Amino acid sequence: MTVASVDDFIDAQSDEQVRDDRRVIIKMMSAATGDKPAMWGPGIVGFGSVPLKYASGRELDRPVCAFSPPKAKLKLYRMD
């Protein structure tokens, strides 16, 4: 997670419809997870946190679900 503002990130999207759509997705994912949105890197809005451990022993936290709002296509992520 980063300290970057989700609102600033969404507001920076150039298309009004894209901004409105992403705000709807934020409401839906917040309701589904019970978590507030947070920036996970420079371009992913995530909700919640779950530990992930690789076979190599490396550990990190991942969002429970997330989305990335690029201009052309919306990408949704769900972690098991």
N, C-alpha and C. Protein backbone atom coordinates (compact mmCIF):
# COMPACT_ATOMS: atom_id res chain seq x y z
N MET A 1 0.84 -1.18 0.00
CA MET A 1 0.00 0.00 0.00
C MET A 1 0.88 1.24 0.00
N THR A 2 0.36 2.30 -0.55
CA THR A 2 1.06 3.57 -0.53
C THR A 2 0.21 4.61 0.18
N VAL A 3 0.77 5.77 0.42
CA VAL A 3 0.02 6.85 1.07
C VAL A 3 -0.65 7.76 0.04
N ALA A 4 -0.54 7.45 -1.24
CA ALA A 4 -1.15 8.25 -2.30
C ALA A 4 -2.67 8.28 -2.13
N SER A 5 -3.29 9.34 -2.58
CA SER A 5 -4.73 9.53 -2.46
C SER A 5 -5.49 8.84 -3.59
N VAL A 6 -6.44 7.99 -3.21
CA VAL A 6 -7.30 7.35 -4.21
C VAL A 6 -8.13 8.41 -4.93
N ASP A 7 -8.67 9.37 -4.18
CA ASP A 7 -9.48 10.42 -4.80
C ASP A 7 -8.68 11.21 -5.83
N ASP A 8 -7.44 11.56 -5.48
CA ASP A 8 -6.61 12.29 -6.44
C ASP A 8 -6.34 11.45 -7.68
N PHE A 9 -6.12 10.16 -7.48
CA PHE A 9 -5.86 9.25 -8.60
C PHE A 9 -7.06 9.18 -9.53
N ILE A 10 -8.25 9.02 -8.96
CA ILE A 10 -9.47 8.94 -9.78
C ILE A 10 -9.73 10.29 -10.46
N ASP A 11 -9.56 11.38 -9.72
CA ASP A 11 -9.79 12.72 -10.28
C ASP A 11 -8.85 13.02 -11.45
N ALA A 12 -7.69 12.38 -11.48
CA ALA A 12 -6.71 12.61 -12.55
C ALA A 12 -7.08 11.92 -13.86
N GLN A 13 -8.07 11.02 -13.84
CA GLN A 13 -8.51 10.37 -15.07
C GLN A 13 -9.14 11.43 -15.97
N SER A 14 -8.78 11.43 -17.24
CA SER A 14 -9.19 12.52 -18.13
C SER A 14 -10.66 12.49 -18.54
N ASP A 15 -11.27 11.33 -18.55
CA ASP A 15 -12.65 11.20 -19.02
C ASP A 15 -13.62 11.16 -17.84
N GLU A 16 -14.64 12.01 -17.90
CA GLU A 16 -15.63 12.09 -16.81
C GLU A 16 -16.35 10.75 -16.59
N GLN A 17 -16.72 10.07 -17.67
CA GLN A 17 -17.41 8.79 -17.54
C GLN A 17 -16.50 7.75 -16.87
N VAL A 18 -15.23 7.77 -17.20
CA VAL A 18 -14.27 6.86 -16.56
C VAL A 18 -14.21 7.15 -15.07
N ARG A 19 -14.14 8.41 -14.69
CA ARG A 19 -14.10 8.77 -13.26
C ARG A 19 -15.36 8.29 -12.56
N ASP A 20 -16.52 8.55 -13.17
CA ASP A 20 -17.79 8.14 -12.56
C ASP A 20 -17.87 6.62 -12.42
N ASP A 21 -17.47 5.90 -13.45
CA ASP A 21 -17.49 4.43 -13.40
C ASP A 21 -16.58 3.90 -12.30
N ARG A 22 -15.41 4.50 -12.15
CA ARG A 22 -14.46 4.03 -11.13
C ARG A 22 -14.99 4.30 -9.74
N ARG A 23 -15.70 5.39 -9.57
CA ARG A 23 -16.30 5.69 -8.25
C ARG A 23 -17.38 4.67 -7.90
N VAL A 24 -18.13 4.22 -8.89
CA VAL A 24 -19.13 3.17 -8.66
C VAL A 24 -18.44 1.87 -8.25
N ILE A 25 -17.36 1.54 -8.92
CA ILE A 25 -16.61 0.32 -8.58
C ILE A 25 -16.05 0.42 -7.16
N ILE A 26 -15.58 1.59 -6.77
CA ILE A 26 -15.08 1.78 -5.41
C ILE A 26 -16.19 1.50 -4.40
N LYS A 27 -17.38 2.02 -4.65
CA LYS A 27 -18.51 1.76 -3.74
C LYS A 27 -18.84 0.28 -3.66
N MET A 28 -18.85 -0.39 -4.81
CA MET A 28 -19.18 -1.82 -4.84
C MET A 28 -18.12 -2.65 -4.10
N MET A 29 -16.84 -2.38 -4.38
CA MET A 29 -15.78 -3.16 -3.74
C MET A 29 -15.67 -2.86 -2.25
N SER A 30 -15.93 -1.62 -1.86
CA SER A 30 -15.95 -1.27 -0.44
C SER A 30 -17.06 -2.02 0.28
N ALA A 31 -18.23 -2.07 -0.34
CA ALA A 31 -19.36 -2.78 0.26
C ALA A 31 -19.08 -4.28 0.35
N ALA A 32 -18.46 -4.84 -0.67
CA ALA A 32 -18.19 -6.28 -0.70
C ALA A 32 -17.12 -6.69 0.32
N THR A 33 -16.13 -5.84 0.51
CA THR A 33 -15.01 -6.21 1.40
C THR A 33 -15.13 -5.63 2.80
N GLY A 34 -15.89 -4.54 2.93
CA GLY A 34 -15.94 -3.83 4.20
C GLY A 34 -14.71 -2.98 4.44
N ASP A 35 -13.88 -2.81 3.43
CA ASP A 35 -12.63 -2.06 3.55
C ASP A 35 -12.67 -0.79 2.71
N LYS A 36 -11.88 0.19 3.13
CA LYS A 36 -11.74 1.42 2.38
C LYS A 36 -10.72 1.21 1.26
N PRO A 37 -10.82 1.98 0.18
CA PRO A 37 -9.85 1.85 -0.90
C PRO A 37 -8.50 2.44 -0.51
N ALA A 38 -7.45 1.87 -1.08
CA ALA A 38 -6.09 2.38 -0.88
C ALA A 38 -5.31 2.16 -2.17
N MET A 39 -4.35 3.00 -2.40
CA MET A 39 -3.48 2.85 -3.57
C MET A 39 -2.45 1.76 -3.29
N TRP A 40 -2.33 0.84 -4.22
CA TRP A 40 -1.32 -0.22 -4.17
C TRP A 40 -0.41 0.03 -5.37
N GLY A 41 0.58 0.84 -5.17
CA GLY A 41 1.44 1.22 -6.28
C GLY A 41 0.85 2.42 -6.99
N PRO A 42 1.41 2.76 -8.14
CA PRO A 42 0.99 3.98 -8.82
C PRO A 42 -0.32 3.89 -9.59
N GLY A 43 -0.86 2.68 -9.83
CA GLY A 43 -2.03 2.58 -10.68
C GLY A 43 -3.04 1.53 -10.31
N ILE A 44 -3.02 1.04 -9.05
CA ILE A 44 -3.98 0.02 -8.64
C ILE A 44 -4.67 0.48 -7.37
N VAL A 45 -6.01 0.44 -7.38
CA VAL A 45 -6.81 0.75 -6.20
C VAL A 45 -7.21 -0.60 -5.59
N GLY A 46 -6.80 -0.82 -4.34
CA GLY A 46 -7.07 -2.10 -3.68
C GLY A 46 -7.88 -1.95 -2.41
N PHE A 47 -8.43 -3.07 -1.96
CA PHE A 47 -9.29 -3.10 -0.78
C PHE A 47 -8.85 -4.24 0.12
N GLY A 48 -8.63 -3.96 1.40
CA GLY A 48 -8.20 -4.99 2.33
C GLY A 48 -6.77 -5.40 2.08
N SER A 49 -6.34 -6.38 2.85
CA SER A 49 -4.98 -6.87 2.73
C SER A 49 -4.95 -8.33 3.16
N VAL A 50 -4.21 -9.12 2.41
CA VAL A 50 -4.06 -10.54 2.73
C VAL A 50 -2.59 -10.91 2.49
N PRO A 51 -2.01 -11.72 3.40
CA PRO A 51 -0.61 -12.11 3.19
C PRO A 51 -0.49 -13.12 2.06
N LEU A 52 0.60 -13.04 1.34
CA LEU A 52 0.89 -13.96 0.26
C LEU A 52 2.30 -14.50 0.49
N LYS A 53 2.44 -15.83 0.50
CA LYS A 53 3.75 -16.43 0.71
C LYS A 53 4.09 -17.31 -0.48
N TYR A 54 5.22 -17.01 -1.10
CA TYR A 54 5.70 -17.79 -2.24
C TYR A 54 6.41 -19.05 -1.75
N ALA A 55 6.54 -20.04 -2.62
CA ALA A 55 7.24 -21.27 -2.29
C ALA A 55 8.69 -20.99 -1.88
N SER A 56 9.25 -19.91 -2.39
CA SER A 56 10.63 -19.52 -2.06
C SER A 56 10.76 -19.00 -0.64
N GLY A 57 9.61 -18.73 0.01
CA GLY A 57 9.62 -18.17 1.36
C GLY A 57 9.38 -16.67 1.39
N ARG A 58 9.44 -16.04 0.24
CA ARG A 58 9.19 -14.60 0.16
C ARG A 58 7.74 -14.32 0.56
N GLU A 59 7.53 -13.29 1.39
CA GLU A 59 6.20 -12.92 1.85
C GLU A 59 5.92 -11.46 1.54
N LEU A 60 4.66 -11.17 1.20
CA LEU A 60 4.22 -9.80 0.99
C LEU A 60 2.72 -9.73 1.18
N ASP A 61 2.20 -8.53 1.29
CA ASP A 61 0.76 -8.33 1.41
C ASP A 61 0.19 -7.96 0.05
N ARG A 62 -1.02 -8.44 -0.22
CA ARG A 62 -1.73 -8.16 -1.46
C ARG A 62 -3.13 -7.68 -1.09
N PRO A 63 -3.77 -6.89 -1.94
CA PRO A 63 -5.15 -6.52 -1.66
C PRO A 63 -6.08 -7.72 -1.84
N VAL A 64 -7.19 -7.73 -1.11
CA VAL A 64 -8.20 -8.79 -1.26
C VAL A 64 -8.82 -8.72 -2.65
N CYS A 65 -9.14 -7.52 -3.08
CA CYS A 65 -9.58 -7.28 -4.45
C CYS A 65 -9.10 -5.90 -4.86
N ALA A 66 -9.03 -5.67 -6.16
CA ALA A 66 -8.47 -4.41 -6.65
C ALA A 66 -8.92 -4.15 -8.08
N PHE A 67 -8.66 -2.94 -8.53
CA PHE A 67 -8.88 -2.62 -9.94
C PHE A 67 -7.85 -1.61 -10.40
N SER A 68 -7.65 -1.60 -11.70
CA SER A 68 -6.74 -0.67 -12.34
C SER A 68 -7.52 0.04 -13.44
N PRO A 69 -7.59 1.36 -13.37
CA PRO A 69 -8.42 2.09 -14.33
C PRO A 69 -7.67 2.72 -15.50
N PRO A 70 -7.03 1.92 -16.33
CA PRO A 70 -6.41 2.54 -17.50
C PRO A 70 -7.47 3.09 -18.44
N LYS A 71 -7.05 3.86 -19.41
CA LYS A 71 -8.00 4.52 -20.31
C LYS A 71 -8.85 3.55 -21.11
N ALA A 72 -8.25 2.54 -21.71
CA ALA A 72 -8.96 1.70 -22.66
C ALA A 72 -9.78 0.59 -22.01
N LYS A 73 -9.19 -0.12 -21.07
CA LYS A 73 -9.88 -1.28 -20.49
C LYS A 73 -9.71 -1.29 -18.98
N LEU A 74 -10.78 -1.63 -18.29
CA LEU A 74 -10.75 -1.75 -16.83
C LEU A 74 -10.26 -3.15 -16.48
N LYS A 75 -9.37 -3.23 -15.50
CA LYS A 75 -8.88 -4.53 -15.04
C LYS A 75 -9.30 -4.73 -13.60
N LEU A 76 -9.95 -5.88 -13.31
CA LEU A 76 -10.36 -6.23 -11.96
C LEU A 76 -9.51 -7.38 -11.46
N TYR A 77 -9.17 -7.34 -10.17
CA TYR A 77 -8.35 -8.39 -9.57
C TYR A 77 -9.05 -8.91 -8.32
N ARG A 78 -8.99 -10.22 -8.12
CA ARG A 78 -9.50 -10.85 -6.90
C ARG A 78 -8.47 -11.85 -6.44
N MET A 79 -8.13 -11.79 -5.16
CA MET A 79 -7.16 -12.72 -4.62
C MET A 79 -7.88 -13.83 -3.87
N ASP A 80 -7.43 -15.04 -4.02
CA ASP A 80 -8.01 -16.17 -3.28
C ASP A 80 -7.33 -16.30 -1.94
